[in-house]
Protein backbone atom coordinates (compact mmCIF):
# COMPACT_ATOMS: atom_id res chain seq x y z
CA MET A 1 15.59 -35.20 -53.71
CA PHE A 2 12.10 -36.71 -54.01
CA GLN A 3 9.83 -33.91 -52.76
CA LYS A 4 6.91 -34.53 -55.12
CA ILE A 5 5.98 -38.10 -56.09
CA LEU A 6 3.31 -38.90 -58.66
CA VAL A 7 1.59 -42.29 -58.23
CA PRO A 8 -0.62 -43.43 -61.14
CA LEU A 9 -3.36 -45.92 -60.18
CA ASP A 10 -5.96 -47.72 -62.24
CA GLY A 11 -8.22 -49.15 -59.56
CA SER A 12 -6.73 -52.64 -59.75
CA GLU A 13 -5.31 -54.51 -56.76
CA VAL A 14 -2.01 -54.90 -58.64
CA ALA A 15 -1.69 -51.14 -59.18
CA PHE A 16 -2.46 -50.44 -55.51
CA ARG A 17 0.52 -52.58 -54.47
CA ILE A 18 2.93 -49.72 -55.16
CA LEU A 19 1.50 -48.03 -52.06
CA THR A 20 2.75 -50.94 -49.95
CA GLN A 21 5.86 -51.82 -51.91
CA ALA A 22 7.22 -48.26 -51.87
CA ARG A 23 5.83 -47.51 -48.42
CA ARG A 24 9.10 -46.24 -46.91
CA LEU A 25 9.72 -44.01 -49.91
CA LEU A 26 6.21 -42.54 -49.78
CA LEU A 27 5.58 -42.22 -46.05
CA ARG A 28 7.82 -39.26 -45.29
CA SER A 29 6.45 -36.03 -43.91
CA ASP A 30 8.76 -33.98 -46.14
CA ARG A 31 7.19 -35.41 -49.29
CA GLU A 32 4.11 -34.56 -51.27
CA ILE A 33 2.19 -37.47 -52.82
CA MET A 34 -0.11 -36.99 -55.80
CA LEU A 35 -2.36 -39.90 -56.75
CA VAL A 36 -3.72 -39.96 -60.28
CA GLN A 37 -6.38 -42.22 -61.74
CA VAL A 38 -7.68 -41.96 -65.30
CA LEU A 39 -11.21 -43.05 -66.15
CA PRO A 40 -12.34 -43.81 -69.69
CA PRO A 41 -15.31 -41.74 -70.91
CA THR A 42 -18.46 -43.86 -71.11
CA ARG A 43 -21.32 -41.36 -71.41
CA GLY A 44 -20.50 -38.79 -74.03
CA SER A 45 -17.31 -37.23 -72.71
CA HIS A 46 -17.86 -38.12 -69.05
CA PRO A 47 -17.39 -41.36 -67.08
CA ASP A 48 -20.26 -43.12 -65.36
CA PRO A 49 -21.17 -41.10 -62.22
CA ASP A 50 -21.34 -44.28 -60.11
CA VAL A 51 -17.83 -45.22 -61.17
CA LEU A 52 -16.61 -41.70 -60.43
CA ALA A 53 -18.17 -41.84 -56.95
CA ARG A 54 -16.56 -45.22 -56.22
CA VAL A 55 -13.12 -44.04 -57.33
CA ARG A 56 -13.45 -40.87 -55.27
CA GLY A 57 -14.23 -43.00 -52.22
CA GLU A 58 -11.19 -45.22 -52.80
CA LEU A 59 -8.83 -42.28 -53.28
CA ASP A 60 -10.27 -40.44 -50.27
CA ARG A 61 -9.48 -43.47 -48.11
CA ILE A 62 -5.93 -43.66 -49.45
CA ARG A 63 -5.42 -39.94 -48.85
CA GLU A 64 -6.68 -40.29 -45.28
CA GLY A 65 -4.22 -43.16 -44.75
CA PHE A 66 -1.36 -40.86 -45.73
CA ALA A 67 -2.70 -38.15 -43.41
CA VAL A 68 -2.40 -40.54 -40.44
CA HIS A 69 1.35 -40.54 -41.09
CA ALA A 70 1.47 -36.73 -41.47
CA VAL A 71 2.14 -37.06 -45.20
CA ARG A 72 0.58 -34.54 -47.56
CA ALA A 73 -1.40 -36.40 -50.18
CA SER A 74 -3.95 -35.34 -52.75
CA TYR A 75 -5.45 -36.83 -55.87
CA ARG A 76 -6.76 -36.06 -59.32
CA ILE A 77 -9.27 -38.05 -61.32
CA LEU A 78 -8.80 -37.56 -65.04
CA THR A 79 -10.65 -38.83 -68.07
CA GLY A 80 -9.42 -39.96 -71.47
CA ASP A 81 -6.54 -42.14 -72.60
CA ALA A 82 -4.59 -43.18 -69.51
CA ALA A 83 -1.04 -42.78 -70.81
CA GLU A 84 -1.80 -39.50 -72.56
CA GLN A 85 -3.51 -37.98 -69.53
CA ILE A 86 -0.73 -39.05 -67.17
CA HIS A 87 1.80 -37.42 -69.51
CA ARG A 88 -0.22 -34.22 -69.58
CA PHE A 89 -0.61 -34.15 -65.83
CA ALA A 90 3.07 -34.91 -65.18
CA LEU A 91 4.12 -32.04 -67.44
CA GLU A 92 1.90 -29.69 -65.45
CA TYR A 93 2.57 -31.06 -61.95
CA ALA A 94 6.36 -31.51 -62.48
CA PRO A 95 7.00 -34.36 -60.00
CA ASP A 96 10.47 -35.46 -58.95
CA LEU A 97 9.52 -39.13 -59.38
CA ILE A 98 6.77 -41.25 -60.89
CA ALA A 99 6.20 -44.44 -58.88
CA ILE A 100 4.11 -47.05 -60.62
CA SER A 101 3.32 -50.70 -60.09
CA ALA A 102 3.50 -52.40 -63.48
CA LYS A 103 1.78 -55.61 -64.43
CA GLY A 104 3.67 -58.80 -65.12
CA GLN A 105 7.35 -59.50 -65.60
CA GLY A 106 9.77 -57.61 -67.81
CA VAL A 107 8.86 -54.21 -69.21
CA THR A 108 7.85 -55.02 -72.75
CA ARG A 109 4.53 -53.70 -73.98
CA GLY A 110 2.84 -57.10 -73.82
CA ALA A 111 4.14 -58.03 -70.36
CA ARG A 112 3.94 -54.73 -68.52
CA GLY A 113 1.09 -53.09 -70.37
CA ARG A 114 0.76 -50.11 -72.65
CA VAL A 115 0.51 -47.46 -69.92
CA ALA A 116 3.79 -48.46 -68.26
CA GLU A 117 5.45 -48.60 -71.66
CA GLU A 118 4.23 -45.12 -72.56
CA ILE A 119 5.25 -43.65 -69.22
CA LEU A 120 8.79 -45.03 -69.61
CA ARG A 121 8.97 -43.75 -73.17
CA GLY A 122 7.74 -40.23 -72.53
CA SER A 123 8.63 -39.34 -68.95
CA ALA A 124 11.12 -36.53 -68.57
CA VAL A 125 11.34 -37.31 -64.82
CA PRO A 126 12.67 -40.49 -63.19
CA VAL A 127 10.36 -43.51 -63.01
CA LEU A 128 10.33 -46.16 -60.29
CA LEU A 129 8.77 -49.29 -61.74
CA SER A 130 7.98 -52.18 -59.41
CA ASN A 131 7.27 -55.82 -60.21
CA PRO A 132 4.16 -56.49 -58.11
CA LEU A 133 3.59 -60.06 -59.26
CA ASP A 134 7.14 -61.07 -58.27
CA TYR A 135 6.44 -60.31 -54.60
CA ALA A 136 3.93 -61.28 -51.96
CA ARG A 137 0.70 -59.28 -51.91
CA ASN A 138 1.60 -57.04 -48.95
CA GLU A 139 5.39 -57.21 -49.19
CA GLU A 140 7.30 -53.96 -48.76
CA LEU A 141 10.34 -53.56 -50.96
CA GLN A 142 13.57 -53.14 -49.01
CA PHE A 143 16.09 -51.99 -51.65
CA ARG A 144 18.94 -53.33 -49.53
CA ARG A 145 21.18 -53.71 -52.59
CA ILE A 146 21.07 -51.18 -55.42
CA LEU A 147 22.93 -52.01 -58.62
CA VAL A 148 24.03 -48.98 -60.64
CA PRO A 149 25.50 -49.61 -64.11
CA LEU A 150 27.84 -46.80 -65.20
CA ASP A 151 29.52 -46.34 -68.55
CA GLY A 152 31.86 -43.44 -67.83
CA THR A 153 29.66 -40.73 -69.35
CA ASP A 154 28.13 -37.76 -67.56
CA GLY A 155 24.76 -39.12 -68.61
CA SER A 156 25.14 -42.38 -66.69
CA GLY A 157 26.27 -40.48 -63.60
CA ALA A 158 23.05 -38.45 -63.59
CA ILE A 159 21.34 -41.29 -61.73
CA LEU A 160 23.66 -40.98 -58.69
CA PRO A 161 21.77 -38.24 -56.75
CA LEU A 162 18.59 -40.32 -57.06
CA VAL A 163 20.41 -43.44 -55.89
CA ALA A 164 21.83 -41.53 -52.94
CA SER A 165 18.32 -40.44 -51.93
CA VAL A 166 16.94 -43.98 -52.07
CA ALA A 167 20.00 -45.40 -50.29
CA HIS A 168 19.56 -42.87 -47.50
CA ASP A 169 15.92 -43.89 -46.99
CA TYR A 170 16.66 -47.62 -47.06
CA ALA A 171 20.22 -47.81 -45.65
CA SER A 172 21.15 -49.58 -48.88
CA GLU A 173 24.40 -51.01 -50.12
CA VAL A 174 25.17 -49.49 -53.52
CA ILE A 175 27.04 -51.57 -56.09
CA LEU A 176 28.67 -49.51 -58.82
CA LEU A 177 28.99 -51.68 -61.91
CA HIS A 178 31.45 -50.55 -64.54
CA VAL A 179 31.26 -52.59 -67.72
CA VAL A 180 34.07 -52.64 -70.23
CA GLU A 181 32.32 -53.46 -73.48
CA VAL A 182 34.19 -56.30 -75.17
CA PRO A 183 32.70 -58.01 -78.23
CA ARG A 184 32.21 -61.71 -77.62
CA PHE A 185 34.67 -62.70 -80.36
CA ASN A 186 37.41 -60.56 -78.73
CA TYR A 187 36.85 -61.69 -75.17
CA PRO A 188 39.00 -61.86 -73.08
CA THR A 189 41.73 -59.99 -74.96
CA VAL A 190 41.53 -57.12 -72.43
CA PRO A 191 42.88 -58.31 -69.06
CA VAL A 192 40.57 -57.58 -66.14
CA SER A 193 43.47 -56.08 -64.18
CA ILE A 194 44.04 -53.46 -66.90
CA ALA A 195 40.32 -52.70 -67.05
CA GLU A 196 40.23 -52.20 -63.29
CA ARG A 197 43.30 -49.95 -63.34
CA ASP A 198 41.84 -47.75 -66.05
CA ALA A 199 38.38 -47.61 -64.47
CA MET A 200 39.31 -46.78 -60.86
CA PRO A 201 39.85 -43.01 -61.27
CA LEU A 202 36.40 -42.79 -62.81
CA ILE A 203 34.88 -45.01 -60.12
CA ASP A 204 36.43 -42.79 -57.43
CA THR A 205 34.72 -39.81 -59.01
CA TYR A 206 31.41 -41.65 -58.93
CA ARG A 207 31.96 -42.55 -55.25
CA THR A 208 32.51 -38.90 -54.42
CA ARG A 209 29.39 -37.82 -56.27
CA LEU A 210 27.36 -40.51 -54.55
CA GLY A 211 28.38 -39.29 -51.11
CA ILE A 212 27.49 -42.41 -49.09
CA ARG A 213 29.68 -44.91 -47.26
CA ASN A 214 28.23 -48.30 -48.11
CA VAL A 215 29.51 -48.58 -51.68
CA ARG A 216 31.04 -51.53 -53.46
CA VAL A 217 32.58 -51.64 -56.93
CA ARG A 218 32.21 -54.34 -59.53
CA ILE A 219 34.12 -54.22 -62.82
CA ALA A 220 33.32 -56.67 -65.58
CA LEU A 221 34.12 -57.32 -69.22
CA GLY A 222 31.68 -58.45 -71.85
CA SER A 223 28.48 -57.48 -73.61
CA THR A 224 27.04 -54.61 -71.59
CA ALA A 225 23.40 -55.66 -71.37
CA SER A 226 24.24 -59.27 -70.58
CA VAL A 227 26.76 -58.25 -67.91
CA ILE A 228 24.20 -55.97 -66.24
CA LEU A 229 21.52 -58.66 -66.17
CA ASP A 230 23.97 -61.27 -64.89
CA ALA A 231 25.19 -58.91 -62.17
CA ALA A 232 21.62 -58.12 -61.08
CA ARG A 233 20.97 -61.84 -60.61
CA GLU A 234 24.30 -62.65 -58.96
CA GLU A 235 24.16 -59.70 -56.56
CA LYS A 236 20.49 -60.36 -55.77
CA ALA A 237 19.88 -56.69 -56.52
CA GLU A 238 16.65 -55.33 -55.10
CA LEU A 239 16.76 -52.23 -57.31
CA LEU A 240 18.46 -51.57 -60.64
CA ALA A 241 19.10 -47.87 -61.22
CA LEU A 242 20.22 -46.64 -64.63
CA THR A 243 20.00 -43.82 -67.12
CA THR A 244 19.17 -44.11 -70.77
CA HIS A 245 19.91 -41.74 -73.60
CA GLY A 246 16.93 -43.00 -75.59
CA GLY A 247 16.87 -44.48 -79.04
CA SER A 248 19.27 -43.70 -81.82
CA THR A 249 18.88 -43.39 -85.55
CA SER A 250 20.01 -46.99 -85.88
CA SER A 251 17.61 -48.36 -83.28
CA PRO A 252 13.83 -47.98 -83.09
CA SER A 253 13.92 -48.61 -79.34
CA PRO A 254 12.78 -45.66 -77.21
CA TYR A 255 15.33 -46.72 -74.58
CA GLY A 256 18.46 -47.29 -76.63
CA SER A 257 19.76 -50.75 -77.45
CA VAL A 258 21.42 -51.58 -74.10
CA ALA A 259 18.65 -50.14 -71.94
CA GLN A 260 16.02 -51.91 -74.03
CA GLN A 261 17.59 -55.30 -73.34
CA VAL A 262 18.09 -54.53 -69.64
CA VAL A 263 14.59 -53.17 -69.11
CA ALA A 264 13.04 -56.16 -70.88
CA GLY A 265 15.09 -58.73 -68.98
CA VAL A 266 15.41 -57.39 -65.44
CA ARG A 267 13.35 -59.04 -62.70
CA CYS A 268 13.99 -56.61 -59.85
CA PRO A 269 12.35 -53.17 -59.58
CA LEU A 270 13.76 -50.49 -61.83
CA LEU A 271 14.66 -46.84 -61.32
CA MET A 272 15.18 -45.19 -64.69
CA LYS A 273 16.13 -41.63 -65.60
CA ARG A 274 16.12 -40.51 -69.20
CA THR A 275 18.88 -38.03 -70.04
CA ALA A 276 17.91 -37.60 -73.70
CA GLY A 277 15.56 -38.94 -76.30
CA VAL A 278 12.30 -38.18 -74.47
CA THR A 279 9.46 -38.47 -76.95
CA VAL A 280 6.37 -36.67 -75.71
CA PRO A 281 3.39 -36.88 -78.09
CA GLU A 282 2.31 -33.43 -79.21
CA ASN A 283 -1.24 -33.98 -77.94
CA SER A 284 0.16 -34.68 -74.46
CA ARG A 285 1.16 -31.03 -74.15
CA ALA A 286 -2.46 -29.96 -73.73
CA ARG A 287 -3.98 -29.49 -70.27
CA PRO A 288 -5.10 -32.70 -68.52
CA SER A 289 -8.83 -33.42 -68.42
CA VAL A 290 -9.51 -33.19 -64.67
CA LEU A 291 -12.85 -34.55 -63.45
CA TRP A 292 -12.20 -34.23 -59.73
CA ALA A 293 -9.53 -32.83 -57.44
CA GLY A 294 -9.26 -34.16 -53.92
């Protein structure tokens, strides 16, 4: 499923942590890793040559580290606005996954940073977003428990092949969470037993599509976003995997109202796939500004 993985870096120690945290996902000989770092122009339209040389050295060392494990890795050094250039490159390179180590906690613009925000907003391919500051410096993520919220639509089920791929790599337990949306003032007028009875045919379909053995089902009533966040905490989820249809005419959020709340409040790493509502800036459709290919 993940044959080509794009890994944006910015030269910071926090950004480099994705290489350790997603080590098992990246270090497979059947995968192709593309490292991308964007430098701001400082002299006319070109970065400082000393900075360029230093970044080349860092990326060469990382590439050689992948080669030791028989993993194909290469890199591109771009120049310009980081989010815009990553968008341009991703459109051209067409990865199966973007793996990025975001800064801080939560995924709001202020906490995670503008680049992570823009990648989530505009990526037409799945994004794995880690929480580097919530883990020890050299800690590898294990993804032993993956929580997958499902709402009964084909869109929400689109995440299942990606979950199956991660679960295969990590021997994960997958928890399928079906939420019956019940407004707080009506709760609990719908008995849980009836909700379970009505949901099980759908859950069985999801199980079949997932195609792995270690699957558990959790059905809950309540406000969808709150139930998802509570379940992630209670299950000690090590990865939350979900789809989003994007914003609607009634919501300015690029994620949609439920996904916005979940993305902002979740503490574990996030695997997100957008099924609609991708907003790619028009200027991101131009060719990326490549300074160096290695």
